[in-house]
Amino acid sequence: MDQNANKTVLILGANSDVAKQCIKQYIEKGLSVIAASRNTRSLEDFISENNLDQTKIAVLPFDAADFNSHQKFYDQLPVKPHIVVYAAGFLVDNERALADFSGAKQMMEVNYMGAVSILSIIAMDQSNKHLERMVGLSSLSGVRGRKSNFVYGSTKAAFTQYLAGLRQELASRKIIVNALVIGYIRTKINDGLQLNESLIMEPDYVAGYIVNAGNSFTIVPNFKWKMIYHILRLLPEGLVAKLP
């Protein structure tokens, strides 16, 4: 019997381009998926357009920034998950975030606060004996503070540190926590941005790293981005300040 046949993945923020590719790949591996997002219509259209097995997918409404709804959302899941993927994300440019706190606040709520709220609820449910993995989508922007995007980067840095501590918290229960530290992806969140085409990854490529995550905490898809990640960590502050 396929060991994945009775496993369920909960994808939070499932309407992102990467998350949608995760749905496809998890289904191909034989798992069931609970796809949760504010935009359930878009998810339903995606499932229909790609002829995915609807008996293996449940679509539920979920708002990362509606913290008060998270406990009820979790309690009412049709089945408790084996794997959890937090893919919710929000981005505004740095100038707007500095001039208008509402944009900065929304990034904090979706990228960090919402993650801490729902993932803590899930992690602390010790009645769910088959929880085995929790994956968070972070960003290279959170590795070092840079003047071009430090407000967004700060939310991802905070999320990565939360995941690092959560990994330690859950180690005794043999639950793996992974942080995907991701560079540029060809997704709607990056529409309109001037990005280096040679560094842009496709959503299905990144999804493969999520679906096939191993035991390492930090996972950086693509060898070019691995090099950039290590360089960013080691650069002196004066050189970081000169980066675009």
C-alpha atoms as a PDB file:
ATOM      1  CA  MET A   1       0.000   0.000   0.000  1.00  0.00           C
ATOM      2  CA  ASP A   2       1.247   3.494  -0.857  1.00  0.00           C
ATOM      3  CA  GLN A   3       2.545   5.075   2.367  1.00  0.00           C
ATOM      4  CA  ASN A   4       1.181   8.457   1.212  1.00  0.00           C
ATOM      5  CA  ALA A   5      -2.364   7.237   0.559  1.00  0.00           C
ATOM      6  CA  ASN A   6      -3.614   8.118   4.041  1.00  0.00           C
ATOM      7  CA  LYS A   7      -1.613  11.312   4.497  1.00  0.00           C
ATOM      8  CA  THR A   8      -3.064  14.819   4.330  1.00  0.00           C
ATOM      9  CA  VAL A   9      -1.291  18.100   3.612  1.00  0.00           C
ATOM     10  CA  LEU A  10      -2.693  21.413   4.837  1.00  0.00           C
ATOM     11  CA  ILE A  11      -1.591  24.300   2.602  1.00  0.00           C
ATOM     12  CA  LEU A  12      -2.223  27.729   4.108  1.00  0.00           C
ATOM     13  CA  GLY A  13      -2.231  30.531   1.574  1.00  0.00           C
ATOM     14  CA  ALA A  14      -2.918  27.961  -1.124  1.00  0.00           C
ATOM     15  CA  ASN A  15      -3.784  30.506  -3.816  1.00  0.00           C
ATOM     16  CA  SER A  16      -0.159  31.521  -4.350  1.00  0.00           C
ATOM     17  CA  ASP A  17       1.418  30.330  -7.593  1.00  0.00           C
ATOM     18  CA  VAL A  18       3.912  28.114  -5.761  1.00  0.00           C
ATOM     19  CA  ALA A  19       1.233  26.676  -3.490  1.00  0.00           C
ATOM     20  CA  LYS A  20      -0.949  25.737  -6.461  1.00  0.00           C
ATOM     21  CA  GLN A  21       1.960  23.792  -7.928  1.00  0.00           C
ATOM     22  CA  CYS A  22       2.401  22.110  -4.533  1.00  0.00           C
ATOM     23  CA  ILE A  23      -1.223  20.966  -4.712  1.00  0.00           C
ATOM     24  CA  LYS A  24      -0.554  19.288  -8.061  1.00  0.00           C
ATOM     25  CA  GLN A  25       2.648  17.640  -6.908  1.00  0.00           C
ATOM     26  CA  TYR A  26       1.273  16.391  -3.588  1.00  0.00           C
ATOM     27  CA  ILE A  27      -1.721  14.869  -5.404  1.00  0.00           C
ATOM     28  CA  GLU A  28       0.653  13.194  -7.883  1.00  0.00           C
ATOM     29  CA  LYS A  29       2.472  11.640  -4.912  1.00  0.00           C
ATOM     30  CA  GLY A  30      -0.786  10.205  -3.605  1.00  0.00           C
ATOM     31  CA  LEU A  31      -1.467  12.551  -0.683  1.00  0.00           C
ATOM     32  CA  SER A  32      -4.726  14.353   0.034  1.00  0.00           C
ATOM     33  CA  VAL A  33      -4.680  18.152   0.255  1.00  0.00           C
ATOM     34  CA  ILE A  34      -6.615  20.724   2.259  1.00  0.00           C
ATOM     35  CA  ALA A  35      -6.147  23.950   0.293  1.00  0.00           C
ATOM     36  CA  ALA A  36      -6.944  27.013   2.397  1.00  0.00           C
ATOM     37  CA  SER A  37      -7.129  30.589   1.138  1.00  0.00           C
ATOM     38  CA  ARG A  38      -9.249  33.724   1.143  1.00  0.00           C
ATOM     39  CA  ASN A  39      -9.844  33.237  -2.593  1.00  0.00           C
ATOM     40  CA  THR A  40     -11.519  29.839  -2.736  1.00  0.00           C
ATOM     41  CA  ARG A  41     -13.022  30.514  -6.184  1.00  0.00           C
ATOM     42  CA  SER A  42      -9.570  30.845  -7.742  1.00  0.00           C
ATOM     43  CA  LEU A  43      -8.530  27.547  -6.147  1.00  0.00           C
ATOM     44  CA  GLU A  44     -11.635  25.770  -7.381  1.00  0.00           C
ATOM     45  CA  ASP A  45     -11.015  27.081 -10.909  1.00  0.00           C
ATOM     46  CA  PHE A  46      -7.389  25.904 -10.748  1.00  0.00           C
ATOM     47  CA  ILE A  47      -8.414  22.425  -9.627  1.00  0.00           C
ATOM     48  CA  SER A  48     -11.007  22.179 -12.389  1.00  0.00           C
ATOM     49  CA  GLU A  49      -8.757  23.565 -15.136  1.00  0.00           C
ATOM     50  CA  ASN A  50      -5.996  21.093 -14.249  1.00  0.00           C
ATOM     51  CA  ASN A  51      -8.346  18.109 -13.961  1.00  0.00           C
ATOM     52  CA  LEU A  52      -7.130  17.333 -10.456  1.00  0.00           C
ATOM     53  CA  ASP A  53      -8.828  14.572  -8.471  1.00  0.00           C
ATOM     54  CA  GLN A  54     -11.433  16.521  -6.500  1.00  0.00           C
ATOM     55  CA  THR A  55     -11.965  13.592  -4.134  1.00  0.00           C
ATOM     56  CA  LYS A  56      -8.421  14.208  -2.870  1.00  0.00           C
ATOM     57  CA  ILE A  57      -8.763  17.974  -2.357  1.00  0.00           C
ATOM     58  CA  ALA A  58     -10.782  20.032   0.123  1.00  0.00           C
ATOM     59  CA  VAL A  59     -10.930  23.804  -0.402  1.00  0.00           C
ATOM     60  CA  LEU A  60     -11.525  25.896   2.712  1.00  0.00           C
ATOM     61  CA  PRO A  61     -11.600  29.647   3.437  1.00  0.00           C
ATOM     62  CA  PHE A  62      -8.673  30.923   5.499  1.00  0.00           C
ATOM     63  CA  ASP A  63      -7.548  34.475   6.263  1.00  0.00           C
ATOM     64  CA  ALA A  64      -4.011  34.669   7.632  1.00  0.00           C
ATOM     65  CA  ALA A  65      -4.656  38.119   9.113  1.00  0.00           C
ATOM     66  CA  ASP A  66      -7.891  37.166  10.881  1.00  0.00           C
ATOM     67  CA  PHE A  67      -6.158  35.814  13.964  1.00  0.00           C
ATOM     68  CA  ASN A  68      -9.358  35.346  15.953  1.00  0.00           C
ATOM     69  CA  SER A  69     -10.636  32.830  13.401  1.00  0.00           C
ATOM     70  CA  HIS A  70      -7.599  30.561  13.440  1.00  0.00           C
ATOM     71  CA  GLN A  71      -8.511  28.302  16.337  1.00  0.00           C
ATOM     72  CA  LYS A  72     -11.985  27.675  14.936  1.00  0.00           C
ATOM     73  CA  PHE A  73     -10.520  27.046  11.489  1.00  0.00           C
ATOM     74  CA  TYR A  74      -8.172  24.408  12.876  1.00  0.00           C
ATOM     75  CA  ASP A  75     -10.796  22.781  15.086  1.00  0.00           C
ATOM     76  CA  GLN A  76     -13.143  22.374  12.125  1.00  0.00           C
ATOM     77  CA  LEU A  77     -10.651  20.779   9.721  1.00  0.00           C
ATOM     78  CA  PRO A  78     -12.096  17.580   8.224  1.00  0.00           C
ATOM     79  CA  VAL A  79      -8.903  15.751   9.253  1.00  0.00           C
ATOM     80  CA  LYS A  80      -5.806  16.831  11.118  1.00  0.00           C
ATOM     81  CA  PRO A  81      -2.768  17.153   8.823  1.00  0.00           C
ATOM     82  CA  HIS A  82       0.407  15.114   8.539  1.00  0.00           C
ATOM     83  CA  ILE A  83       2.168  17.985   6.750  1.00  0.00           C
ATOM     84  CA  VAL A  84       1.569  21.739   6.959  1.00  0.00           C
ATOM     85  CA  VAL A  85       2.800  24.302   4.436  1.00  0.00           C
ATOM     86  CA  TYR A  86       2.534  28.021   5.192  1.00  0.00           C
ATOM     87  CA  ALA A  87       2.622  29.781   1.825  1.00  0.00           C
ATOM     88  CA  ALA A  88       0.645  32.948   2.571  1.00  0.00           C
ATOM     89  CA  GLY A  89       2.491  36.118   1.600  1.00  0.00           C
ATOM     90  CA  PHE A  90       1.992  39.811   0.971  1.00  0.00           C
ATOM     91  CA  LEU A  91       4.352  42.410  -0.496  1.00  0.00           C
ATOM     92  CA  VAL A  92       4.333  46.171  -0.971  1.00  0.00           C
ATOM     93  CA  ASP A  93       7.366  48.148  -2.108  1.00  0.00           C
ATOM     94  CA  ASN A  94       9.622  49.657   0.523  1.00  0.00           C
ATOM     95  CA  GLU A  95       8.768  53.295  -0.190  1.00  0.00           C
ATOM     96  CA  ARG A  96       5.073  52.632   0.275  1.00  0.00           C
ATOM     97  CA  ALA A  97       5.714  50.594   3.424  1.00  0.00           C
ATOM     98  CA  LEU A  98       7.716  53.472   4.927  1.00  0.00           C
ATOM     99  CA  ALA A  99       5.231  56.184   3.944  1.00  0.00           C
ATOM    100  CA  ASP A 100       2.013  54.284   4.707  1.00  0.00           C
ATOM    101  CA  PHE A 101       2.069  51.992   7.721  1.00  0.00           C
ATOM    102  CA  SER A 102      -1.050  50.138   6.569  1.00  0.00           C
ATOM    103  CA  GLY A 103       0.998  48.347   3.903  1.00  0.00           C
ATOM    104  CA  ALA A 104       3.769  47.509   6.358  1.00  0.00           C
ATOM    105  CA  LYS A 105       1.197  46.275   8.862  1.00  0.00           C
ATOM    106  CA  GLN A 106      -0.422  43.987   6.312  1.00  0.00           C
ATOM    107  CA  MET A 107       2.953  42.456   5.466  1.00  0.00           C
ATOM    108  CA  MET A 108       3.599  41.868   9.170  1.00  0.00           C
ATOM    109  CA  GLU A 109       0.177  40.300   9.659  1.00  0.00           C
ATOM    110  CA  VAL A 110       0.300  37.956   6.662  1.00  0.00           C
ATOM    111  CA  ASN A 111       4.007  37.105   6.480  1.00  0.00           C
ATOM    112  CA  TYR A 112       4.714  36.745  10.192  1.00  0.00           C
ATOM    113  CA  MET A 113       1.925  37.266  12.711  1.00  0.00           C
ATOM    114  CA  GLY A 114      -0.586  35.075  10.901  1.00  0.00           C
ATOM    115  CA  ALA A 115       2.021  32.352  10.556  1.00  0.00           C
ATOM    116  CA  VAL A 116       2.851  32.411  14.259  1.00  0.00           C
ATOM    117  CA  SER A 117      -0.841  32.357  15.155  1.00  0.00           C
ATOM    118  CA  ILE A 118      -1.952  29.370  13.075  1.00  0.00           C
ATOM    119  CA  LEU A 119       1.275  27.347  13.155  1.00  0.00           C
ATOM    120  CA  SER A 120       1.468  27.589  16.941  1.00  0.00           C
ATOM    121  CA  ILE A 121      -2.106  26.321  17.220  1.00  0.00           C
ATOM    122  CA  ILE A 122      -1.283  23.375  14.979  1.00  0.00           C
ATOM    123  CA  ALA A 123       2.064  22.606  16.609  1.00  0.00           C
ATOM    124  CA  MET A 124       0.699  22.626  20.130  1.00  0.00           C
ATOM    125  CA  ASP A 125      -2.091  20.162  19.366  1.00  0.00           C
ATOM    126  CA  GLN A 126      -0.444  17.084  20.837  1.00  0.00           C
ATOM    127  CA  SER A 127      -3.557  15.032  20.106  1.00  0.00           C
ATOM    128  CA  ASN A 128      -2.505  15.062  16.450  1.00  0.00           C
ATOM    129  CA  LYS A 129      -0.087  12.154  16.698  1.00  0.00           C
ATOM    130  CA  HIS A 130       0.626  11.964  12.974  1.00  0.00           C
ATOM    131  CA  LEU A 131       1.899  15.524  12.424  1.00  0.00           C
ATOM    132  CA  GLU A 132       5.309  14.944  10.852  1.00  0.00           C
ATOM    133  CA  ARG A 133       6.391  18.117   9.041  1.00  0.00           C
ATOM    134  CA  MET A 134       5.813  21.887   8.963  1.00  0.00           C
ATOM    135  CA  VAL A 135       7.194  23.962   6.087  1.00  0.00           C
ATOM    136  CA  GLY A 136       7.337  27.756   5.920  1.00  0.00           C
ATOM    137  CA  LEU A 137       8.055  29.806   2.802  1.00  0.00           C
ATOM    138  CA  SER A 138      10.547  32.509   3.733  1.00  0.00           C
ATOM    139  CA  SER A 139      12.795  34.665   1.538  1.00  0.00           C
ATOM    140  CA  LEU A 140      16.355  35.701   0.766  1.00  0.00           C
ATOM    141  CA  SER A 141      15.099  39.188   1.615  1.00  0.00           C
ATOM    142  CA  GLY A 142      15.148  38.146   5.262  1.00  0.00           C
ATOM    143  CA  VAL A 143      18.815  37.136   5.328  1.00  0.00           C
ATOM    144  CA  ARG A 144      20.227  40.684   5.603  1.00  0.00           C
ATOM    145  CA  GLY A 145      18.586  44.080   5.929  1.00  0.00           C
ATOM    146  CA  ARG A 146      18.872  45.998   2.642  1.00  0.00           C
ATOM    147  CA  LYS A 147      17.618  49.492   1.923  1.00  0.00           C
ATOM    148  CA  SER A 148      15.580  48.368  -1.098  1.00  0.00           C
ATOM    149  CA  ASN A 149      13.224  46.045   0.798  1.00  0.00           C
ATOM    150  CA  PHE A 150      14.046  45.958   4.505  1.00  0.00           C
ATOM    151  CA  VAL A 151      10.457  46.295   5.736  1.00  0.00           C
ATOM    152  CA  TYR A 152       9.336  43.206   3.815  1.00  0.00           C
ATOM    153  CA  GLY A 153      12.650  41.539   4.649  1.00  0.00           C
ATOM    154  CA  SER A 154      12.106  42.106   8.344  1.00  0.00           C
ATOM    155  CA  THR A 155       8.851  40.137   8.262  1.00  0.00           C
ATOM    156  CA  LYS A 156      10.604  37.221   6.552  1.00  0.00           C
ATOM    157  CA  ALA A 157      13.563  37.383   8.933  1.00  0.00           C
ATOM    158  CA  ALA A 158      11.174  37.183  11.874  1.00  0.00           C
ATOM    159  CA  PHE A 159       9.341  34.261  10.269  1.00  0.00           C
ATOM    160  CA  THR A 160      12.598  32.360   9.702  1.00  0.00           C
ATOM    161  CA  GLN A 161      13.617  32.846  13.347  1.00  0.00           C
ATOM    162  CA  TYR A 162      10.208  31.642  14.496  1.00  0.00           C
ATOM    163  CA  LEU A 163      10.566  28.509  12.357  1.00  0.00           C
ATOM    164  CA  ALA A 164      14.065  27.896  13.755  1.00  0.00           C
ATOM    165  CA  GLY A 165      12.751  27.966  17.307  1.00  0.00           C
ATOM    166  CA  LEU A 166       9.704  25.883  16.375  1.00  0.00           C
ATOM    167  CA  ARG A 167      12.042  23.251  14.943  1.00  0.00           C
ATOM    168  CA  GLN A 168      13.778  23.002  18.319  1.00  0.00           C
ATOM    169  CA  GLU A 169      10.445  22.950  20.148  1.00  0.00           C
ATOM    170  CA  LEU A 170       9.120  20.051  18.074  1.00  0.00           C
ATOM    171  CA  ALA A 171      12.325  18.014  17.793  1.00  0.00           C
ATOM    172  CA  SER A 172      11.425  15.786  20.744  1.00  0.00           C
ATOM    173  CA  ARG A 173       8.205  14.800  18.943  1.00  0.00           C
ATOM    174  CA  LYS A 174      10.144  13.923  15.766  1.00  0.00           C
ATOM    175  CA  ILE A 175       8.374  16.670  13.800  1.00  0.00           C
ATOM    176  CA  ILE A 176      10.544  18.237  11.085  1.00  0.00           C
ATOM    177  CA  VAL A 177      10.384  21.993  10.452  1.00  0.00           C
ATOM    178  CA  ASN A 178      11.793  23.388   7.202  1.00  0.00           C
ATOM    179  CA  ALA A 179      12.323  26.983   6.088  1.00  0.00           C
ATOM    180  CA  LEU A 180      12.346  27.521   2.316  1.00  0.00           C
ATOM    181  CA  VAL A 181      14.591  30.542   1.789  1.00  0.00           C
ATOM    182  CA  ILE A 182      13.546  31.597  -1.675  1.00  0.00           C
ATOM    183  CA  GLY A 183      14.792  34.056  -4.272  1.00  0.00           C
ATOM    184  CA  TYR A 184      12.907  35.508  -7.248  1.00  0.00           C
ATOM    185  CA  ILE A 185       9.971  33.459  -8.543  1.00  0.00           C
ATOM    186  CA  ARG A 186       7.828  34.108 -11.591  1.00  0.00           C
ATOM    187  CA  THR A 187       4.647  34.758  -9.620  1.00  0.00           C
ATOM    188  CA  LYS A 188       1.920  37.369  -9.401  1.00  0.00           C
ATOM    189  CA  ILE A 189       3.437  38.832  -6.215  1.00  0.00           C
ATOM    190  CA  ASN A 190       6.431  39.937  -8.316  1.00  0.00           C
ATOM    191  CA  ASP A 191       4.446  41.326 -11.266  1.00  0.00           C
ATOM    192  CA  GLY A 192       5.827  44.684 -12.365  1.00  0.00           C
ATOM    193  CA  LEU A 193       9.139  44.355 -10.531  1.00  0.00           C
ATOM    194  CA  GLN A 194      12.390  44.762 -12.461  1.00  0.00           C
ATOM    195  CA  LEU A 195      14.113  41.448 -11.725  1.00  0.00           C
ATOM    196  CA  ASN A 196      17.157  39.674 -13.165  1.00  0.00           C
ATOM    197  CA  GLU A 197      15.628  37.194 -15.614  1.00  0.00           C
ATOM    198  CA  SER A 198      18.496  34.721 -15.208  1.00  0.00           C
ATOM    199  CA  LEU A 199      17.697  34.379 -11.507  1.00  0.00           C
ATOM    200  CA  ILE A 200      13.928  33.909 -11.776  1.00  0.00           C
ATOM    201  CA  MET A 201      12.656  30.449 -10.822  1.00  0.00           C
ATOM    202  CA  GLU A 202       9.407  28.866 -11.984  1.00  0.00           C
ATOM    203  CA  PRO A 203       6.709  28.049  -9.388  1.00  0.00           C
ATOM    204  CA  ASP A 204       6.709  24.312 -10.162  1.00  0.00           C
ATOM    205  CA  TYR A 205      10.478  24.172  -9.671  1.00  0.00           C
ATOM    206  CA  VAL A 206      10.224  25.730  -6.200  1.00  0.00           C
ATOM    207  CA  ALA A 207       7.239  23.539  -5.347  1.00  0.00           C
ATOM    208  CA  GLY A 208       9.388  20.484  -5.956  1.00  0.00           C
ATOM    209  CA  TYR A 209      11.720  21.532  -3.143  1.00  0.00           C
ATOM    210  CA  ILE A 210       8.752  21.898  -0.790  1.00  0.00           C
ATOM    211  CA  VAL A 211       7.069  18.618  -1.666  1.00  0.00           C
ATOM    212  CA  ASN A 212      10.377  16.732  -1.468  1.00  0.00           C
ATOM    213  CA  ALA A 213      11.825  18.560   1.553  1.00  0.00           C
ATOM    214  CA  GLY A 214      14.283  16.540   3.594  1.00  0.00           C
ATOM    215  CA  ASN A 215      15.603  16.976   7.121  1.00  0.00           C
ATOM    216  CA  SER A 216      17.601  20.192   6.683  1.00  0.00           C
ATOM    217  CA  PHE A 217      16.181  23.317   8.265  1.00  0.00           C
ATOM    218  CA  THR A 218      17.229  25.845   5.610  1.00  0.00           C
ATOM    219  CA  ILE A 219      16.395  24.876   2.040  1.00  0.00           C
ATOM    220  CA  VAL A 220      17.525  27.243  -0.724  1.00  0.00           C
ATOM    221  CA  PRO A 221      16.274  26.190  -4.174  1.00  0.00           C
ATOM    222  CA  ASN A 222      18.691  26.650  -7.108  1.00  0.00           C
ATOM    223  CA  PHE A 223      22.501  26.661  -6.884  1.00  0.00           C
ATOM    224  CA  LYS A 224      22.725  30.345  -7.929  1.00  0.00           C
ATOM    225  CA  TRP A 225      20.544  31.344  -5.007  1.00  0.00           C
ATOM    226  CA  LYS A 226      22.524  29.087  -2.665  1.00  0.00           C
ATOM    227  CA  MET A 227      25.639  31.058  -3.603  1.00  0.00           C
ATOM    228  CA  ILE A 228      23.842  34.379  -3.118  1.00  0.00           C
ATOM    229  CA  TYR A 229      22.498  33.186   0.250  1.00  0.00           C
ATOM    230  CA  HIS A 230      25.966  32.334   1.571  1.00  0.00           C
ATOM    231  CA  ILE A 231      27.492  35.535   0.174  1.00  0.00           C
ATOM    232  CA  LEU A 232      24.773  37.653   1.788  1.00  0.00           C
ATOM    233  CA  ARG A 233      25.394  36.029   5.156  1.00  0.00           C
ATOM    234  CA  LEU A 234      29.136  36.714   5.002  1.00  0.00           C
ATOM    235  CA  LEU A 235      29.272  40.192   3.431  1.00  0.00           C
ATOM    236  CA  PRO A 236      30.499  43.024   5.677  1.00  0.00           C
ATOM    237  CA  GLU A 237      27.843  45.586   6.535  1.00  0.00           C
ATOM    238  CA  GLY A 238      29.489  48.254   4.405  1.00  0.00           C
ATOM    239  CA  LEU A 239      29.191  46.124   1.292  1.00  0.00           C
ATOM    240  CA  VAL A 240      25.604  45.108   2.063  1.00  0.00           C
ATOM    241  CA  ALA A 241      24.737  48.819   2.188  1.00  0.00           C
ATOM    242  CA  LYS A 242      25.983  49.222  -1.384  1.00  0.00           C
ATOM    243  CA  LEU A 243      23.773  46.489  -2.799  1.00  0.00           C
ATOM    244  CA  PRO A 244      20.915  47.625  -5.086  1.00  0.00           C
END
